[in-house]
Every structure is written in structure tokens, then in C-alpha cells.
Amino acid sequence: MTINEIQDELIEEFELFDDWEGKYEYIIDLGKKLPKMADEYKTEDNIIKGCQSIVWLNAYMNGDKLIFEADSEAIIVKGLVSMLLKVLSGHTPEEILQADLYFIERVGLSSHLAQTRSNGLASMVKQMKAYAVAFQAIQEK
């Protein structure tokens, strides 16, 4: 699936809920389903700066695809990062860099998250795109 197809699928999933209580429960559920990140990657270097809660993000290449893994101590944040992983992980650095992450606005996260959570979400996206830039540069060598 393309990044846009995955975003469209997420948007459809959120449309199943009538209110934000259900949407928050869904986000929390996504966080609970996030695969456990190995403790060896929970390092200071992997902490995303700009998040109110601690979020660890690790990235590596598998063939030409960039794979992300992440974790957080905050369950709602774990759900948010889970959505980003679902959308961006497993794509080429070029695809990630070109991605317009419209699902954030379309599912209403921009208007329903506290400012600190929105800033943290933006920091997560920024770090994922920074990894894509770095791995793209390595590929071009």
C-alpha cells in the first residue's frame, strides 16, 4: 500500500466513531498494540526532542525501505506514534520525504489534541523525515 492509501484507510477507521471519546479509545488501543521496542534502543540518542512525554524512535533500512520502531511511556502518545509508524514505516526515504501527512488534519488530531501533544506529534514527524534524509544520503553514496 502507498502512504496515501494507508492514510485514507486510517481516515476511514476514524470515521467509524461518532465522538472524540471513541476516537481517543481507538488511539489508546493502537498504542497498546504497538510492538515492544527493544530496551537497547531506548537510549538518550533515540529520544525525540520537543515531546512532552518521552518518545524513543529508532530507524533502520531493510533493503530500500526505511523501518521505524518507537515506544513511549504515555499511552496516548504511544497511539499517536503508532499511527505515524503505520503510515511511514516500510517505505523508501524518498516516499517518506515526499509524503503529505494529511491524515493528521483529516481525522481531527490538529484540532483535538492539546497544544503540547500537537507539538510533540510535529516533532515526531520532523524526526522521521530527518531519518529519511539521512538514510537517503547514505543510499546515494
C-alpha atoms as a PDB file:
ATOM      1  CA  MET A   1       0.000   0.000   0.000  1.00  0.00           C
ATOM      2  CA  THR A   2       1.124   3.542  -0.689  1.00  0.00           C
ATOM      3  CA  ILE A   3       1.444   6.146   2.057  1.00  0.00           C
ATOM      4  CA  ASN A   4      -1.744   7.843   0.814  1.00  0.00           C
ATOM      5  CA  GLU A   5      -3.685   4.571   0.736  1.00  0.00           C
ATOM      6  CA  ILE A   6      -2.681   3.904   4.349  1.00  0.00           C
ATOM      7  CA  GLN A   7      -3.690   7.448   5.337  1.00  0.00           C
ATOM      8  CA  ASP A   8      -7.057   7.016   3.621  1.00  0.00           C
ATOM      9  CA  GLU A   9      -7.578   3.744   5.494  1.00  0.00           C
ATOM     10  CA  LEU A  10      -6.808   5.459   8.827  1.00  0.00           C
ATOM     11  CA  ILE A  11      -9.233   8.275   7.981  1.00  0.00           C
ATOM     12  CA  GLU A  12     -11.952   5.692   7.232  1.00  0.00           C
ATOM     13  CA  GLU A  13     -11.274   3.936  10.548  1.00  0.00           C
ATOM     14  CA  PHE A  14     -11.676   7.224  12.434  1.00  0.00           C
ATOM     15  CA  GLU A  15     -14.941   7.954  10.611  1.00  0.00           C
ATOM     16  CA  LEU A  16     -16.455   4.905  12.335  1.00  0.00           C
ATOM     17  CA  PHE A  17     -16.500   6.827  15.620  1.00  0.00           C
ATOM     18  CA  ASP A  18     -19.217   9.358  16.428  1.00  0.00           C
ATOM     19  CA  ASP A  19     -17.317  11.276  19.095  1.00  0.00           C
ATOM     20  CA  TRP A  20     -13.836  12.003  20.349  1.00  0.00           C
ATOM     21  CA  GLU A  21     -14.183   9.696  23.325  1.00  0.00           C
ATOM     22  CA  GLY A  22     -14.341   6.757  20.899  1.00  0.00           C
ATOM     23  CA  LYS A  23     -11.501   8.158  18.812  1.00  0.00           C
ATOM     24  CA  TYR A  24      -9.290   8.543  21.887  1.00  0.00           C
ATOM     25  CA  GLU A  25     -10.080   4.980  22.937  1.00  0.00           C
ATOM     26  CA  TYR A  26      -9.064   3.845  19.444  1.00  0.00           C
ATOM     27  CA  ILE A  27      -5.787   5.779  19.659  1.00  0.00           C
ATOM     28  CA  ILE A  28      -5.082   4.198  23.055  1.00  0.00           C
ATOM     29  CA  ASP A  29      -5.872   0.772  21.605  1.00  0.00           C
ATOM     30  CA  LEU A  30      -3.396   1.390  18.766  1.00  0.00           C
ATOM     31  CA  GLY A  31      -0.783   2.259  21.369  1.00  0.00           C
ATOM     32  CA  LYS A  32      -1.423  -0.966  23.262  1.00  0.00           C
ATOM     33  CA  LYS A  33      -0.903  -2.925  20.030  1.00  0.00           C
ATOM     34  CA  LEU A  34       2.405  -1.206  19.197  1.00  0.00           C
ATOM     35  CA  PRO A  35       5.136  -3.863  19.119  1.00  0.00           C
ATOM     36  CA  LYS A  36       7.500  -3.643  22.074  1.00  0.00           C
ATOM     37  CA  MET A  37      10.710  -1.799  21.326  1.00  0.00           C
ATOM     38  CA  ALA A  38      13.908  -3.498  22.473  1.00  0.00           C
ATOM     39  CA  ASP A  39      15.381  -1.818  25.550  1.00  0.00           C
ATOM     40  CA  GLU A  40      18.734  -1.452  23.772  1.00  0.00           C
ATOM     41  CA  TYR A  41      17.124   1.229  21.555  1.00  0.00           C
ATOM     42  CA  LYS A  42      15.642   3.169  24.465  1.00  0.00           C
ATOM     43  CA  THR A  43      18.628   5.476  24.649  1.00  0.00           C
ATOM     44  CA  GLU A  44      19.094   9.202  25.105  1.00  0.00           C
ATOM     45  CA  ASP A  45      20.087   9.478  21.426  1.00  0.00           C
ATOM     46  CA  ASN A  46      16.750   7.988  20.334  1.00  0.00           C
ATOM     47  CA  ILE A  47      14.572  10.329  22.419  1.00  0.00           C
ATOM     48  CA  ILE A  48      12.590  12.762  20.255  1.00  0.00           C
ATOM     49  CA  LYS A  49      13.216  16.322  21.345  1.00  0.00           C
ATOM     50  CA  GLY A  50      10.134  18.514  21.583  1.00  0.00           C
ATOM     51  CA  CYS A  51       7.780  15.905  23.034  1.00  0.00           C
ATOM     52  CA  GLN A  52       6.280  16.450  26.477  1.00  0.00           C
ATOM     53  CA  SER A  53       6.375  12.689  27.092  1.00  0.00           C
ATOM     54  CA  ILE A  54       9.406  10.539  26.453  1.00  0.00           C
ATOM     55  CA  VAL A  55       9.275   9.042  22.956  1.00  0.00           C
ATOM     56  CA  TRP A  56      12.002   6.797  21.604  1.00  0.00           C
ATOM     57  CA  LEU A  57      12.363   6.421  17.846  1.00  0.00           C
ATOM     58  CA  ASN A  58      14.733   4.045  16.078  1.00  0.00           C
ATOM     59  CA  ALA A  59      15.150   3.674  12.329  1.00  0.00           C
ATOM     60  CA  TYR A  60      16.977   1.249  10.055  1.00  0.00           C
ATOM     61  CA  MET A  61      16.964   0.211   6.429  1.00  0.00           C
ATOM     62  CA  ASN A  62      15.594  -3.125   5.255  1.00  0.00           C
ATOM     63  CA  GLY A  63      16.552  -3.302   1.590  1.00  0.00           C
ATOM     64  CA  ASP A  64      15.431   0.042   0.156  1.00  0.00           C
ATOM     65  CA  LYS A  65      12.708   0.543   2.791  1.00  0.00           C
ATOM     66  CA  LEU A  66      13.063   2.620   5.944  1.00  0.00           C
ATOM     67  CA  ILE A  67      11.700   0.866   9.017  1.00  0.00           C
ATOM     68  CA  PHE A  68      10.741   2.739  12.168  1.00  0.00           C
ATOM     69  CA  GLU A  69      10.167   1.393  15.641  1.00  0.00           C
ATOM     70  CA  ALA A  70       9.107   3.500  18.582  1.00  0.00           C
ATOM     71  CA  ASP A  71       7.831   3.498  22.128  1.00  0.00           C
ATOM     72  CA  SER A  72       6.586   5.937  24.739  1.00  0.00           C
ATOM     73  CA  GLU A  73       5.721   5.866  28.407  1.00  0.00           C
ATOM     74  CA  ALA A  74       2.465   7.751  27.711  1.00  0.00           C
ATOM     75  CA  ILE A  75      -0.275   5.521  26.279  1.00  0.00           C
ATOM     76  CA  ILE A  76      -1.962   8.223  24.160  1.00  0.00           C
ATOM     77  CA  VAL A  77       1.411   9.229  22.707  1.00  0.00           C
ATOM     78  CA  LYS A  78       2.126   5.575  22.004  1.00  0.00           C
ATOM     79  CA  GLY A  79      -1.079   5.526  19.946  1.00  0.00           C
ATOM     80  CA  LEU A  80      -0.115   8.668  18.038  1.00  0.00           C
ATOM     81  CA  VAL A  81       3.332   7.314  17.198  1.00  0.00           C
ATOM     82  CA  SER A  82       1.724   4.010  16.230  1.00  0.00           C
ATOM     83  CA  MET A  83      -0.298   5.834  13.570  1.00  0.00           C
ATOM     84  CA  LEU A  84       2.838   7.515  12.210  1.00  0.00           C
ATOM     85  CA  LEU A  85       4.631   4.167  12.063  1.00  0.00           C
ATOM     86  CA  LYS A  86       1.669   2.617  10.266  1.00  0.00           C
ATOM     87  CA  VAL A  87       1.757   5.379   7.644  1.00  0.00           C
ATOM     88  CA  LEU A  88       5.502   5.886   7.132  1.00  0.00           C
ATOM     89  CA  SER A  89       7.364   2.718   8.114  1.00  0.00           C
ATOM     90  CA  GLY A  90       8.190   0.342   5.275  1.00  0.00           C
ATOM     91  CA  HIS A  91       8.530   2.990   2.570  1.00  0.00           C
ATOM     92  CA  THR A  92      11.574   4.398   0.808  1.00  0.00           C
ATOM     93  CA  PRO A  93      13.216   7.532   2.222  1.00  0.00           C
ATOM     94  CA  GLU A  94      12.146   9.398  -0.926  1.00  0.00           C
ATOM     95  CA  GLU A  95       8.485   8.391  -0.453  1.00  0.00           C
ATOM     96  CA  ILE A  96       8.633   9.483   3.198  1.00  0.00           C
ATOM     97  CA  LEU A  97      10.145  12.848   2.314  1.00  0.00           C
ATOM     98  CA  GLN A  98       7.504  13.490  -0.359  1.00  0.00           C
ATOM     99  CA  ALA A  99       4.612  12.433   1.885  1.00  0.00           C
ATOM    100  CA  ASP A 100       1.944  14.970   2.731  1.00  0.00           C
ATOM    101  CA  LEU A 101       0.594  13.696   6.036  1.00  0.00           C
ATOM    102  CA  TYR A 102      -2.954  14.928   5.537  1.00  0.00           C
ATOM    103  CA  PHE A 103      -4.479  12.285   7.820  1.00  0.00           C
ATOM    104  CA  ILE A 104      -3.446  14.331  10.894  1.00  0.00           C
ATOM    105  CA  GLU A 105      -5.767  17.148   9.856  1.00  0.00           C
ATOM    106  CA  ARG A 106      -8.487  14.957   8.326  1.00  0.00           C
ATOM    107  CA  VAL A 107      -9.059  12.797  11.414  1.00  0.00           C
ATOM    108  CA  GLY A 108      -9.139  15.943  13.555  1.00  0.00           C
ATOM    109  CA  LEU A 109      -5.951  15.456  15.536  1.00  0.00           C
ATOM    110  CA  SER A 110      -4.814  19.020  14.848  1.00  0.00           C
ATOM    111  CA  SER A 111      -7.897  20.497  16.478  1.00  0.00           C
ATOM    112  CA  HIS A 112      -8.472  17.957  19.273  1.00  0.00           C
ATOM    113  CA  LEU A 113      -5.011  17.436  20.702  1.00  0.00           C
ATOM    114  CA  ALA A 114      -3.646  19.712  23.396  1.00  0.00           C
ATOM    115  CA  GLN A 115      -1.029  22.139  22.041  1.00  0.00           C
ATOM    116  CA  THR A 116       1.787  20.208  23.731  1.00  0.00           C
ATOM    117  CA  ARG A 117       0.628  16.940  22.112  1.00  0.00           C
ATOM    118  CA  SER A 118       0.330  18.641  18.698  1.00  0.00           C
ATOM    119  CA  ASN A 119       3.855  19.990  19.088  1.00  0.00           C
ATOM    120  CA  GLY A 120       5.055  16.526  20.058  1.00  0.00           C
ATOM    121  CA  LEU A 121       3.353  14.990  17.027  1.00  0.00           C
ATOM    122  CA  ALA A 122       5.053  17.553  14.793  1.00  0.00           C
ATOM    123  CA  SER A 123       8.392  16.708  16.433  1.00  0.00           C
ATOM    124  CA  MET A 124       7.837  13.007  15.725  1.00  0.00           C
ATOM    125  CA  VAL A 125       7.119  13.725  12.044  1.00  0.00           C
ATOM    126  CA  LYS A 126      10.151  16.007  11.837  1.00  0.00           C
ATOM    127  CA  GLN A 127      12.425  13.320  13.306  1.00  0.00           C
ATOM    128  CA  MET A 128      11.071  10.630  10.969  1.00  0.00           C
ATOM    129  CA  LYS A 129      11.692  12.883   7.966  1.00  0.00           C
ATOM    130  CA  ALA A 130      15.189  13.674   9.309  1.00  0.00           C
ATOM    131  CA  TYR A 131      15.930   9.942   9.381  1.00  0.00           C
ATOM    132  CA  ALA A 132      14.654   9.709   5.788  1.00  0.00           C
ATOM    133  CA  VAL A 133      17.049  12.491   4.731  1.00  0.00           C
ATOM    134  CA  ALA A 134      19.974  10.767   6.457  1.00  0.00           C
ATOM    135  CA  PHE A 135      19.252   7.325   5.006  1.00  0.00           C
ATOM    136  CA  GLN A 136      18.617   8.785   1.551  1.00  0.00           C
ATOM    137  CA  ALA A 137      22.069  10.424   1.692  1.00  0.00           C
ATOM    138  CA  ILE A 138      23.648   7.092   2.659  1.00  0.00           C
ATOM    139  CA  GLN A 139      21.882   5.354  -0.246  1.00  0.00           C
ATOM    140  CA  GLU A 140      23.165   7.930  -2.734  1.00  0.00           C
ATOM    141  CA  LYS A 141      26.811   7.312  -1.805  1.00  0.00           C
END
